[in-house]
């Protein structure tokens, strides 16, 4: 299990509002080319999301569709 210093900050947003914001160990996302998993330290990327579930490990859960962005802060 990861400690707080190596967790992701997950934020699911729509044009209207933020749906979910929480720390997590990993996130599984449905992209147009198949599911992908993002872990702490993942290389930055931008991907188009497809239909499916967004699974947040070590946080809560939620569903979203649209672009996904992985950035380092």
Protein backbone atom coordinates (compact mmCIF):
# COMPACT_ATOMS: atom_id res chain seq x y z
CA UNK A 1 0.00 0.00 0.00
CA UNK A 2 1.28 3.47 -0.86
CA UNK A 3 1.71 6.19 1.72
CA UNK A 4 0.33 9.72 1.17
CA UNK A 5 3.53 10.98 -0.48
CA UNK A 6 3.12 8.65 -3.46
CA UNK A 7 -0.60 8.82 -4.12
CA UNK A 8 -2.41 10.31 -7.08
CA UNK A 9 -4.68 13.31 -6.78
CA UNK A 10 -7.75 12.20 -8.75
CA UNK A 11 -10.24 14.76 -10.01
CA UNK A 12 -13.19 13.87 -12.29
CA UNK A 13 -14.70 17.01 -13.82
CA UNK A 14 -17.43 18.03 -16.26
CA UNK A 15 -17.87 21.47 -17.81
CA UNK A 16 -20.44 22.18 -15.07
CA UNK A 17 -18.72 20.91 -11.90
CA UNK A 18 -16.22 18.62 -10.20
CA UNK A 19 -17.80 15.18 -9.72
CA UNK A 20 -15.10 13.60 -7.57
CA UNK A 21 -11.83 14.63 -5.93
CA UNK A 22 -9.77 12.31 -3.74
CA UNK A 23 -6.33 10.79 -3.23
CA UNK A 24 -5.83 7.31 -4.72
CA UNK A 25 -3.24 4.60 -5.23
CA UNK A 26 -4.32 3.83 -8.84
CA UNK A 27 -7.05 4.68 -11.37
CA UNK A 28 -8.40 2.43 -14.13
CA UNK A 29 -9.84 4.31 -17.13
CA UNK A 30 -11.69 3.12 -20.25
CA UNK A 31 -9.88 4.73 -23.20
CA UNK A 32 -10.98 4.42 -26.83
CA UNK A 33 -8.19 1.87 -27.37
CA UNK A 34 -8.91 -0.19 -24.22
CA UNK A 35 -8.61 0.10 -20.45
CA UNK A 36 -5.51 1.69 -18.96
CA UNK A 37 -4.31 2.00 -15.38
CA UNK A 38 -2.58 5.09 -14.05
CA UNK A 39 -0.20 4.77 -11.08
CA UNK A 40 1.83 7.35 -9.18
CA UNK A 41 4.73 8.57 -11.32
CA UNK A 42 2.99 7.62 -14.61
CA UNK A 43 4.31 9.44 -17.69
CA UNK A 44 2.17 12.45 -18.69
CA UNK A 45 -0.43 11.62 -21.36
CA UNK A 46 -3.72 12.76 -22.88
CA UNK A 47 -6.28 10.14 -23.96
CA UNK A 48 -9.88 10.11 -25.15
CA UNK A 49 -12.10 8.18 -22.73
CA UNK A 50 -14.58 5.61 -23.95
CA UNK A 51 -17.72 4.24 -22.33
CA UNK A 52 -17.12 2.24 -19.17
CA UNK A 53 -16.35 2.49 -15.50
CA UNK A 54 -13.66 4.63 -13.90
CA UNK A 55 -12.27 2.62 -10.98
CA UNK A 56 -10.39 4.50 -8.27
CA UNK A 57 -8.27 2.29 -6.00
CA UNK A 58 -7.69 3.61 -2.51
CA UNK A 59 -10.32 6.35 -2.87
CA UNK A 60 -13.97 6.36 -3.94
CA UNK A 61 -15.58 5.49 -7.28
CA UNK A 62 -17.38 7.23 -10.13
CA UNK A 63 -18.23 7.19 -13.82
CA UNK A 64 -17.14 9.75 -16.40
CA UNK A 65 -16.63 10.16 -20.14
CA UNK A 66 -14.46 12.62 -22.05
CA UNK A 67 -10.77 13.44 -22.18
CA UNK A 68 -8.29 12.15 -19.62
CA UNK A 69 -5.16 14.06 -18.73
CA UNK A 70 -2.24 12.84 -16.61
CA UNK A 71 0.02 15.67 -15.47
CA UNK A 72 2.76 16.17 -12.88
CA UNK A 73 2.46 19.03 -10.38
